[in-house]
């Protein structure tokens, strides 16, 4: 376990005036915006102060300490320094973790007994974005209305600190690595191609995958936070073209794709086929869960997830889109596994309650190693619906929620069964469904359609486009 943490001197403070911050960057479960426009060093300092003050106001009788990490986007260093100065100004001791995949930061919060932690990252967004992911004690996500409380504090006057905290002294990475390796056993050696997209997990994740007994090959060995290889979003199948080719060329058993901060995962089969998050959820659900257990999934997931879990007597709980909502429902229901369509997975069986793409990857490899089937053969056993890739249609941040509300009213007139938990999910009698919601991480509207046949899918998509065309603010494209 780590040694007791040491504290630095009380920070020197300078009075700082009120400033305006774009409210649209405060999203449902994190903060994200364009660097130089929405996110500047001054804004980062304000948000750091607000986060620290939020923790102090919720823990008035406790001496607090937090840890701050960042992904490898080039502007992350200055934003981290400014953010840590803001945290110091709130009276909290802050420690610098440096470059950190988000799951590693969450682990450090728990292992180091920190009162909270923040990773400075924009996850799968392009390199000109950055942002902040907040957790509190126990690495539990801070989201929803609590993020709006942080926004309100950020708009106050405050004292600026010249103290940006101190670096970490304990080797938490070794602790994290040893913990993961100790939980996974492979019955046979697998050949794995790993695509970290040049993100902060480059090399580090591949090393751990190699240490559990695989032949692991890094697709892009050079880390680069500008993401020159492809955008760091594994959900978009076109981003994984190189990974598909390399898996086939190397005759690998599996390809693993991660996002920019290493907390989302998608996979490629041995023949180079893309495996979506719904299929991963079903395979891992069957591998990890038994009768009476609970799986948590989101309103954007395929109806096949619930159908397949019902076959093995596993209960399901649906929540709004967002990893924070999955985590909260898992705590509430004591679920052992959960996930969402964007590739966030929570393997709480024999692990912690946060989403960890690396631990998910290791469990997938363990599942594959215990089977006499290839990944291609396993996927063939998963019932398949016909679906179109998620469409992310540009729509202004200040209008997208209002427009989705209007679209919800449009669909209600059709007398379909509508779930308005998060935007609208329209379930049709034949098992087809439509999901339309405002993105919580970018200025766009998400559209997902799933049907029982290609012909039916075309009919549904035409119906959706007829409604979307009523709203000129939506940039329609396939």
Protein backbone atom coordinates (compact mmCIF):
# COMPACT_ATOMS: atom_id res chain seq x y z
CA UNK A 1 0.00 0.00 0.00
CA UNK A 2 1.17 3.60 -0.56
CA UNK A 3 3.01 5.54 2.11
CA UNK A 4 1.23 8.41 3.93
CA UNK A 5 0.97 11.46 1.71
CA UNK A 6 3.01 14.55 2.56
CA UNK A 7 1.63 18.07 2.38
CA UNK A 8 3.17 21.24 0.98
CA UNK A 9 3.06 24.74 2.45
CA UNK A 10 -0.09 26.84 2.42
CA UNK A 11 -0.49 28.43 -1.05
CA UNK A 12 0.03 32.12 -1.69
CA UNK A 13 -3.18 33.62 -3.11
CA UNK A 14 -4.02 36.54 -5.36
CA UNK A 15 -7.54 37.98 -5.77
CA UNK A 16 -9.19 36.94 -9.05
CA UNK A 17 -12.26 38.59 -10.60
CA UNK A 18 -15.48 36.99 -11.87
CA UNK A 19 -15.39 35.69 -15.46
CA UNK A 20 -17.88 34.20 -17.92
CA UNK A 21 -17.50 30.53 -18.91
CA UNK A 22 -19.46 28.96 -21.75
CA UNK A 23 -22.19 26.99 -19.90
CA UNK A 24 -22.48 24.48 -22.75
CA UNK A 25 -19.13 22.86 -21.83
CA UNK A 26 -20.66 21.61 -18.56
CA UNK A 27 -22.20 18.42 -19.87
CA UNK A 28 -24.09 15.55 -18.25
CA UNK A 29 -21.06 13.64 -16.95
CA UNK A 30 -17.99 15.73 -17.66
CA UNK A 31 -16.74 19.03 -19.08
CA UNK A 32 -15.57 19.31 -22.71
CA UNK A 33 -14.87 22.11 -25.12
CA UNK A 34 -12.58 23.48 -27.81
CA UNK A 35 -9.17 24.51 -26.50
CA UNK A 36 -8.47 28.21 -26.98
CA UNK A 37 -12.16 29.01 -27.27
CA UNK A 38 -14.13 27.24 -24.52
CA UNK A 39 -11.18 25.79 -22.59
CA UNK A 40 -8.25 28.07 -21.70
CA UNK A 41 -5.75 28.04 -18.84
CA UNK A 42 -7.81 30.65 -17.04
CA UNK A 43 -10.98 28.57 -17.45
CA UNK A 44 -9.09 25.45 -16.26
CA UNK A 45 -7.94 27.32 -13.17
CA UNK A 46 -11.50 28.43 -12.45
CA UNK A 47 -12.82 24.91 -12.84
CA UNK A 48 -10.06 23.58 -10.58
CA UNK A 49 -11.05 26.07 -7.90
CA UNK A 50 -14.72 25.16 -8.37
CA UNK A 51 -14.06 21.42 -8.10
CA UNK A 52 -11.98 21.89 -4.96
CA UNK A 53 -14.55 24.21 -3.40
CA UNK A 54 -17.32 21.73 -4.26
CA UNK A 55 -15.47 19.02 -2.34
CA UNK A 56 -14.77 21.33 0.60
CA UNK A 57 -18.42 22.40 0.84
CA UNK A 58 -19.49 18.74 0.85
CA UNK A 59 -16.82 17.74 3.40
CA UNK A 60 -16.47 20.82 5.66
CA UNK A 61 -14.84 19.02 8.60
CA UNK A 62 -12.24 17.04 6.64
CA UNK A 63 -8.73 17.83 5.44
CA UNK A 64 -8.86 16.87 1.76
CA UNK A 65 -6.38 15.70 -0.84
CA UNK A 66 -7.00 14.95 -4.53
CA UNK A 67 -5.04 13.68 -7.52
CA UNK A 68 -5.01 15.12 -11.05
CA UNK A 69 -3.99 13.30 -14.23
CA UNK A 70 -4.21 14.07 -17.95
CA UNK A 71 -4.17 12.39 -21.32
CA UNK A 72 -1.39 13.13 -23.82
CA UNK A 73 -2.96 15.97 -25.82
CA UNK A 74 -0.24 18.62 -26.24
CA UNK A 75 -2.20 21.34 -24.43
CA UNK A 76 -2.84 19.08 -21.43
CA UNK A 77 0.31 20.11 -19.56
CA UNK A 78 -0.61 23.79 -19.26
CA UNK A 79 -4.26 23.02 -18.55
CA UNK A 80 -3.22 20.62 -15.79
CA UNK A 81 -0.94 23.19 -14.17
CA UNK A 82 -3.69 25.80 -14.22
CA UNK A 83 -6.29 23.36 -12.93
CA UNK A 84 -4.06 22.30 -10.04
CA UNK A 85 -3.44 25.93 -9.10
CA UNK A 86 -7.21 26.37 -8.90
CA UNK A 87 -7.60 23.31 -6.68
CA UNK A 88 -4.84 24.65 -4.39
CA UNK A 89 -6.67 27.97 -4.13
CA UNK A 90 -9.65 26.10 -2.66
CA UNK A 91 -7.47 24.93 0.22
CA UNK A 92 -7.10 21.32 -0.91
CA UNK A 93 -3.77 19.52 -1.26
CA UNK A 94 -3.36 18.42 -4.88
CA UNK A 95 -1.04 15.76 -6.32
CA UNK A 96 0.06 15.51 -9.95
CA UNK A 97 -0.24 12.04 -11.53
CA UNK A 98 1.03 13.23 -14.92
CA UNK A 99 -0.07 11.36 -18.05
CA UNK A 100 -2.77 8.92 -17.03
CA UNK A 101 -5.42 6.74 -18.67
CA UNK A 102 -8.70 7.53 -16.91
CA UNK A 103 -9.09 4.05 -15.36
CA UNK A 104 -5.61 4.35 -13.87
CA UNK A 105 -6.55 7.66 -12.24
CA UNK A 106 -9.68 6.04 -10.78
CA UNK A 107 -7.56 3.20 -9.40
CA UNK A 108 -5.14 5.69 -7.86
CA UNK A 109 -7.98 7.53 -6.10
CA UNK A 110 -8.97 4.25 -4.43
CA UNK A 111 -5.48 2.85 -3.77
CA UNK A 112 -4.16 6.18 -2.46
CA UNK A 113 -7.27 6.87 -0.37
CA UNK A 114 -7.76 10.23 -2.10
CA UNK A 115 -10.90 12.27 -1.58
CA UNK A 116 -11.30 12.75 -5.31
CA UNK A 117 -9.59 12.91 -8.65
CA UNK A 118 -9.79 14.55 -12.05
CA UNK A 119 -8.48 13.44 -15.41
CA UNK A 120 -7.96 16.20 -17.94
CA UNK A 121 -9.11 14.64 -21.19
CA UNK A 122 -11.63 14.89 -24.00
CA UNK A 123 -11.77 11.10 -24.37
CA UNK A 124 -12.66 10.20 -27.99
CA UNK A 125 -13.05 13.80 -29.21
CA UNK A 126 -10.57 15.24 -31.75
CA UNK A 127 -7.26 16.65 -30.53
CA UNK A 128 -8.39 20.30 -30.45
CA UNK A 129 -10.84 19.41 -27.66
CA UNK A 130 -10.05 18.93 -23.99
CA UNK A 131 -12.01 18.64 -20.77
CA UNK A 132 -12.33 17.28 -17.24
CA UNK A 133 -13.66 14.02 -15.81
CA UNK A 134 -14.48 14.29 -12.10
CA UNK A 135 -14.68 11.61 -9.43
CA UNK A 136 -15.09 11.82 -5.68
CA UNK A 137 -14.13 9.47 -2.87
CA UNK A 138 -14.02 5.84 -3.97
CA UNK A 139 -13.64 7.01 -7.60
CA UNK A 140 -17.42 7.46 -7.85
CA UNK A 141 -18.38 9.67 -10.77
CA UNK A 142 -19.55 13.26 -10.22
CA UNK A 143 -22.21 13.99 -12.84
CA UNK A 144 -25.58 15.52 -13.67
CA UNK A 145 -26.74 18.27 -11.31
CA UNK A 146 -23.48 18.05 -9.36
CA UNK A 147 -21.53 19.24 -12.41
CA UNK A 148 -23.89 22.21 -12.65
CA UNK A 149 -23.04 23.02 -9.03
CA UNK A 150 -19.37 23.09 -10.04
CA UNK A 151 -20.28 25.47 -12.88
CA UNK A 152 -22.02 27.85 -10.45
CA UNK A 153 -18.98 27.89 -8.17
CA UNK A 154 -16.66 28.54 -11.12
CA UNK A 155 -18.51 31.78 -11.83
CA UNK A 156 -17.70 33.20 -8.37
CA UNK A 157 -14.80 35.49 -7.47
CA UNK A 158 -11.91 33.50 -5.99
CA UNK A 159 -8.32 33.60 -4.77
CA UNK A 160 -5.76 32.40 -7.29
CA UNK A 161 -2.96 30.16 -6.06
CA UNK A 162 0.65 30.05 -7.24
CA UNK A 163 1.03 26.50 -5.92
CA UNK A 164 0.29 23.82 -8.55
CA UNK A 165 0.65 20.90 -6.11
CA UNK A 166 3.32 18.22 -5.89
CA UNK A 167 4.18 15.16 -7.98
CA UNK A 168 3.23 11.64 -6.95
CA UNK A 169 5.88 9.65 -5.12
CA UNK A 170 4.29 6.21 -4.93
CA UNK A 171 4.43 3.81 -7.89
CA UNK A 172 0.71 3.46 -8.42
CA UNK A 173 1.20 2.21 -11.97
CA UNK A 174 3.00 -0.91 -10.70
CA UNK A 175 0.23 -1.44 -8.15
CA UNK A 176 -2.41 -1.08 -10.88
CA UNK A 177 -0.56 -3.41 -13.25
CA UNK A 178 0.01 -6.06 -10.57
CA UNK A 179 -3.65 -5.89 -9.51
CA UNK A 180 -4.95 -6.50 -13.03
CA UNK A 181 -2.46 -9.27 -13.83
CA UNK A 182 -3.32 -11.10 -10.59
CA UNK A 183 -7.01 -11.34 -11.58
CA UNK A 184 -6.63 -12.91 -15.04
CA UNK A 185 -5.51 -16.41 -16.03
CA UNK A 186 -5.24 -17.57 -19.64
CA UNK A 187 -5.59 -21.25 -20.53
CA UNK A 188 -3.80 -20.76 -23.82
CA UNK A 189 -1.61 -18.19 -25.53
CA UNK A 190 -3.38 -15.67 -27.76
CA UNK A 191 -2.06 -13.35 -30.44
CA UNK A 192 -3.42 -9.83 -29.96
CA UNK A 193 -3.14 -6.60 -31.97
CA UNK A 194 -3.67 -3.48 -29.84
CA UNK A 195 -4.77 -0.13 -31.30
CA UNK A 196 -4.39 2.65 -28.71
CA UNK A 197 -4.88 5.32 -31.42
CA UNK A 198 -1.71 7.06 -30.21
CA UNK A 199 -3.52 7.95 -26.99
CA UNK A 200 -2.26 7.99 -23.42
CA UNK A 201 -2.61 4.21 -23.02
CA UNK A 202 -0.13 3.56 -25.86
CA UNK A 203 2.48 1.02 -24.78
CA UNK A 204 1.26 0.83 -21.22
CA UNK A 205 -1.87 -1.22 -21.92
CA UNK A 206 -0.05 -3.42 -24.42
CA UNK A 207 2.63 -4.20 -21.83
CA UNK A 208 0.03 -5.46 -19.35
CA UNK A 209 -1.77 -7.47 -22.05
CA UNK A 210 1.60 -9.04 -22.88
CA UNK A 211 2.33 -9.85 -19.23
CA UNK A 212 -0.76 -12.05 -18.84
CA UNK A 213 0.75 -14.41 -21.40
CA UNK A 214 -0.20 -13.13 -24.84
CA UNK A 215 1.77 -12.26 -27.94
CA UNK A 216 0.68 -8.62 -28.05
CA UNK A 217 1.60 -6.29 -30.93
CA UNK A 218 1.14 -2.51 -30.72
CA UNK A 219 -0.42 -1.24 -33.96
CA UNK A 220 0.93 2.31 -33.55
CA UNK A 221 3.95 2.17 -31.19
CA UNK A 222 4.44 5.95 -31.05
CA UNK A 223 2.12 7.86 -28.71
CA UNK A 224 0.85 11.13 -30.19
CA UNK A 225 -1.92 13.20 -28.63
CA UNK A 226 -2.59 14.88 -31.97
CA UNK A 227 -4.00 11.50 -33.10
CA UNK A 228 -2.41 11.41 -36.58
CA UNK A 229 -3.33 7.75 -37.19
CA UNK A 230 -7.10 8.16 -36.85
CA UNK A 231 -9.58 9.81 -34.52
CA UNK A 232 -9.45 8.11 -31.10
CA UNK A 233 -13.02 6.84 -31.27
CA UNK A 234 -13.24 3.04 -31.60
CA UNK A 235 -17.03 3.09 -32.01
CA UNK A 236 -16.60 4.47 -35.54
CA UNK A 237 -15.76 1.39 -37.59
CA UNK A 238 -13.90 3.36 -40.28
CA UNK A 239 -11.31 4.34 -37.65
CA UNK A 240 -10.30 0.69 -37.30
CA UNK A 241 -9.41 -0.07 -40.94
CA UNK A 242 -5.69 -0.51 -40.17
CA UNK A 243 -6.46 -2.71 -37.17
CA UNK A 244 -8.64 -5.00 -39.28
CA UNK A 245 -5.90 -5.41 -41.89
CA UNK A 246 -3.21 -6.08 -39.30
CA UNK A 247 -5.27 -8.70 -37.46
CA UNK A 248 -5.80 -10.62 -40.70
CA UNK A 249 -2.18 -10.19 -41.87
CA UNK A 250 -0.76 -11.40 -38.54
CA UNK A 251 -3.34 -14.22 -38.21
CA UNK A 252 -4.16 -12.81 -34.78
CA UNK A 253 -6.92 -14.11 -32.53
CA UNK A 254 -8.32 -10.64 -31.80
CA UNK A 255 -7.83 -6.92 -32.31
CA UNK A 256 -8.42 -4.52 -29.41
CA UNK A 257 -9.18 -0.82 -30.01
CA UNK A 258 -9.11 1.85 -27.28
CA UNK A 259 -10.04 5.53 -27.18
CA UNK A 260 -7.91 8.57 -26.32
CA UNK A 261 -7.96 8.18 -22.53
CA UNK A 262 -8.19 4.39 -22.42
CA UNK A 263 -11.64 3.88 -20.92
CA UNK A 264 -13.59 2.67 -23.99
CA UNK A 265 -13.02 -0.53 -25.95
CA UNK A 266 -14.25 -2.22 -29.13
CA UNK A 267 -12.83 -5.38 -30.70
CA UNK A 268 -12.11 -6.99 -34.09
CA UNK A 269 -12.51 -10.73 -34.77
CA UNK A 270 -9.83 -13.04 -36.15
CA UNK A 271 -11.22 -12.55 -39.68
CA UNK A 272 -11.21 -8.75 -39.35
CA UNK A 273 -14.90 -8.27 -38.53
CA UNK A 274 -16.02 -5.35 -36.36
CA UNK A 275 -17.71 -6.37 -33.08
CA UNK A 276 -20.02 -3.73 -31.68
CA UNK A 277 -20.58 -2.98 -27.99
CA UNK A 278 -23.91 -4.86 -27.89
CA UNK A 279 -22.23 -8.06 -29.01
CA UNK A 280 -19.42 -7.58 -26.48
CA UNK A 281 -21.99 -7.05 -23.75
CA UNK A 282 -23.80 -10.26 -24.63
CA UNK A 283 -20.62 -12.37 -24.84
CA UNK A 284 -19.18 -11.02 -21.58
CA UNK A 285 -22.58 -11.17 -19.90
CA UNK A 286 -22.79 -14.89 -20.62
CA UNK A 287 -19.18 -15.38 -19.51
CA UNK A 288 -19.35 -13.41 -16.26
CA UNK A 289 -22.93 -13.71 -15.02
CA UNK A 290 -25.15 -16.47 -13.71
CA UNK A 291 -28.87 -16.86 -13.04
CA UNK A 292 -30.14 -14.11 -10.73
CA UNK A 293 -27.31 -11.66 -11.47
CA UNK A 294 -28.00 -8.22 -12.94
CA UNK A 295 -26.68 -6.50 -16.07
CA UNK A 296 -27.06 -2.72 -16.52
CA UNK A 297 -27.32 -1.30 -20.03
CA UNK A 298 -28.45 1.95 -21.67
CA UNK A 299 -31.40 3.10 -23.72
CA UNK A 300 -29.21 3.09 -26.86
CA UNK A 301 -28.34 -0.61 -26.62
CA UNK A 302 -29.81 -3.28 -28.85
CA UNK A 303 -32.98 -5.08 -27.77
CA UNK A 304 -30.99 -8.30 -28.27
CA UNK A 305 -29.05 -7.60 -25.04
CA UNK A 306 -32.16 -7.97 -22.90
CA UNK A 307 -33.41 -10.95 -24.94
CA UNK A 308 -30.14 -12.87 -24.56
CA UNK A 309 -29.78 -12.13 -20.84
CA UNK A 310 -33.36 -13.31 -20.27
CA UNK A 311 -32.39 -16.70 -21.79
CA UNK A 312 -29.86 -17.26 -18.98
CA UNK A 313 -32.13 -15.77 -16.27
CA UNK A 314 -30.01 -12.63 -15.83
CA UNK A 315 -31.96 -9.53 -14.84
CA UNK A 316 -31.48 -6.28 -16.77
CA UNK A 317 -31.74 -2.61 -15.81
CA UNK A 318 -31.98 0.15 -18.46
CA UNK A 319 -30.56 3.64 -17.78
CA UNK A 320 -29.94 6.86 -19.78
CA UNK A 321 -26.85 6.97 -21.98
CA UNK A 322 -23.69 7.80 -20.05
CA UNK A 323 -21.13 5.81 -18.10
CA UNK A 324 -21.99 7.73 -14.92
CA UNK A 325 -25.60 6.53 -15.10
CA UNK A 326 -24.46 2.94 -15.61
CA UNK A 327 -22.14 3.18 -12.61
CA UNK A 328 -24.83 4.67 -10.36
CA UNK A 329 -27.40 2.00 -11.26
CA UNK A 330 -24.82 -0.75 -10.75
CA UNK A 331 -24.14 0.51 -7.23
CA UNK A 332 -27.86 0.70 -6.54
CA UNK A 333 -28.63 -2.81 -7.82
CA UNK A 334 -25.29 -4.43 -6.88
CA UNK A 335 -24.93 -5.48 -10.53
CA UNK A 336 -21.70 -7.26 -11.47
CA UNK A 337 -21.54 -6.13 -15.10
CA UNK A 338 -22.78 -3.23 -17.19
CA UNK A 339 -22.02 -1.20 -20.26
CA UNK A 340 -23.18 1.09 -22.98
CA UNK A 341 -23.22 1.34 -26.74
CA UNK A 342 -20.20 3.68 -26.81
CA UNK A 343 -17.84 1.01 -25.46
CA UNK A 344 -17.75 1.82 -21.74
CA UNK A 345 -17.90 -1.40 -19.72
CA UNK A 346 -17.99 -2.01 -15.98
CA UNK A 347 -16.71 -5.42 -14.90
CA UNK A 348 -17.43 -5.23 -11.19
CA UNK A 349 -17.08 -8.96 -10.64
CA UNK A 350 -13.81 -9.33 -8.71
CA UNK A 351 -12.97 -5.64 -9.34
CA UNK A 352 -13.92 -2.04 -8.58
CA UNK A 353 -17.05 -0.17 -9.65
CA UNK A 354 -15.56 2.13 -12.33
CA UNK A 355 -15.28 1.56 -16.09
CA UNK A 356 -11.91 0.16 -17.08
CA UNK A 357 -11.31 -0.69 -20.75
CA UNK A 358 -8.09 -2.55 -19.96
CA UNK A 359 -9.72 -4.81 -17.36
CA UNK A 360 -12.56 -5.37 -19.83
CA UNK A 361 -10.01 -6.34 -22.49
CA UNK A 362 -8.34 -8.79 -20.11
CA UNK A 363 -11.69 -10.41 -19.33
CA UNK A 364 -12.44 -10.72 -23.05
CA UNK A 365 -9.08 -12.43 -23.54
CA UNK A 366 -9.76 -14.77 -20.61
CA UNK A 367 -13.17 -15.60 -22.13
CA UNK A 368 -11.54 -16.34 -25.49
CA UNK A 369 -8.80 -18.46 -23.91
CA UNK A 370 -11.32 -20.64 -22.05
CA UNK A 371 -13.25 -21.46 -25.21
CA UNK A 372 -12.44 -23.89 -28.01
CA UNK A 373 -14.14 -21.48 -30.45
CA UNK A 374 -12.66 -18.58 -32.36
CA UNK A 375 -14.06 -15.11 -31.82
CA UNK A 376 -15.71 -15.36 -35.25
CA UNK A 377 -17.50 -18.53 -34.17
CA UNK A 378 -18.60 -16.96 -30.88
CA UNK A 379 -20.08 -13.94 -32.66
CA UNK A 380 -22.06 -16.19 -35.03
CA UNK A 381 -23.99 -17.47 -32.00
CA UNK A 382 -25.19 -13.94 -31.08
CA UNK A 383 -28.57 -13.14 -32.68
CA UNK A 384 -28.17 -10.25 -35.07
CA UNK A 385 -30.46 -7.38 -35.86
CA UNK A 386 -29.96 -5.18 -38.91
CA UNK A 387 -28.85 -1.75 -37.79
CA UNK A 388 -27.28 1.36 -39.22
CA UNK A 389 -24.15 2.85 -37.60
CA UNK A 390 -24.92 5.55 -35.08
CA UNK A 391 -25.44 8.86 -36.89
CA UNK A 392 -24.07 11.90 -35.06
CA UNK A 393 -25.79 14.82 -36.72
CA UNK A 394 -24.41 18.28 -36.01
CA UNK A 395 -26.80 20.46 -34.04
CA UNK A 396 -26.05 23.57 -31.92
CA UNK A 397 -25.53 22.88 -28.22
CA UNK A 398 -28.03 25.56 -27.23
CA UNK A 399 -30.77 24.04 -29.40
CA UNK A 400 -30.25 20.28 -29.41
CA UNK A 401 -32.27 19.41 -26.29
CA UNK A 402 -35.19 21.59 -27.35
CA UNK A 403 -35.20 19.99 -30.80
CA UNK A 404 -35.13 16.46 -29.37
CA UNK A 405 -38.14 17.37 -27.21
CA UNK A 406 -39.98 18.48 -30.34
CA UNK A 407 -39.02 15.27 -32.17
CA UNK A 408 -40.35 13.29 -29.20
CA UNK A 409 -43.72 14.98 -29.64
CA UNK A 410 -43.64 14.17 -33.35
CA UNK A 411 -43.18 10.44 -32.68
CA UNK A 412 -45.79 10.41 -29.91
CA UNK A 413 -48.41 11.21 -32.59
CA UNK A 414 -47.69 7.84 -34.25
CA UNK A 415 -49.02 5.97 -31.20
CA UNK A 416 -45.79 3.97 -30.79
CA UNK A 417 -44.47 2.81 -27.40
CA UNK A 418 -42.05 5.60 -26.47
CA UNK A 419 -39.41 5.60 -23.73
CA UNK A 420 -38.39 9.18 -22.86
CA UNK A 421 -35.75 8.29 -20.29
CA UNK A 422 -33.07 9.91 -22.49
CA UNK A 423 -34.33 11.63 -25.63
CA UNK A 424 -36.74 9.14 -27.16
CA UNK A 425 -36.59 5.42 -27.82
CA UNK A 426 -39.41 4.24 -30.08
CA UNK A 427 -40.08 0.49 -29.76
CA UNK A 428 -42.20 -0.99 -32.52
CA UNK A 429 -44.37 -4.13 -32.42
CA UNK A 430 -42.08 -6.11 -34.75
CA UNK A 431 -39.01 -5.64 -32.50
CA UNK A 432 -37.53 -2.75 -34.48
CA UNK A 433 -36.65 0.44 -32.64
CA UNK A 434 -35.41 4.02 -33.11
CA UNK A 435 -33.28 6.00 -30.67
CA UNK A 436 -32.87 9.79 -30.95
CA UNK A 437 -31.13 11.79 -28.25
CA UNK A 438 -29.01 14.89 -27.71
CA UNK A 439 -25.34 14.04 -27.20
CA UNK A 440 -23.97 14.84 -23.76
CA UNK A 441 -20.40 15.21 -25.04
CA UNK A 442 -20.62 17.18 -28.30
CA UNK A 443 -22.91 19.53 -30.30
CA UNK A 444 -24.86 16.85 -32.11
CA UNK A 445 -27.93 14.64 -32.07
CA UNK A 446 -27.48 10.87 -32.03
CA UNK A 447 -29.71 8.66 -34.19
CA UNK A 448 -29.75 4.86 -34.00
CA UNK A 449 -32.10 2.59 -35.96
CA UNK A 450 -32.41 -1.18 -35.58
CA UNK A 451 -34.73 -3.50 -37.48
CA UNK A 452 -35.51 -7.13 -38.20
CA UNK A 453 -34.53 -6.88 -41.89
CA UNK A 454 -32.72 -4.60 -44.31
CA UNK A 455 -36.01 -3.68 -45.98
CA UNK A 456 -37.58 -2.74 -42.66
CA UNK A 457 -34.49 -0.73 -41.69
CA UNK A 458 -34.76 1.32 -44.89
CA UNK A 459 -38.41 2.04 -44.11
CA UNK A 460 -37.59 3.18 -40.59
CA UNK A 461 -34.71 5.39 -41.70
CA UNK A 462 -36.96 7.07 -44.26
CA UNK A 463 -39.54 7.75 -41.57
CA UNK A 464 -36.89 9.21 -39.27
CA UNK A 465 -35.46 11.48 -41.97
CA UNK A 466 -38.92 12.79 -42.79
CA UNK A 467 -39.20 14.03 -39.21
CA UNK A 468 -35.60 15.30 -38.93
CA UNK A 469 -36.00 17.39 -42.09
CA UNK A 470 -38.49 19.57 -40.24
CA UNK A 471 -35.59 21.01 -38.21
CA UNK A 472 -33.09 23.03 -40.30
CA UNK A 473 -30.65 23.27 -37.35
CA UNK A 474 -29.87 19.55 -37.79
CA UNK A 475 -27.15 18.88 -40.36
CA UNK A 476 -28.51 15.76 -42.05
CA UNK A 477 -26.02 13.25 -43.36
CA UNK A 478 -25.62 9.50 -43.45
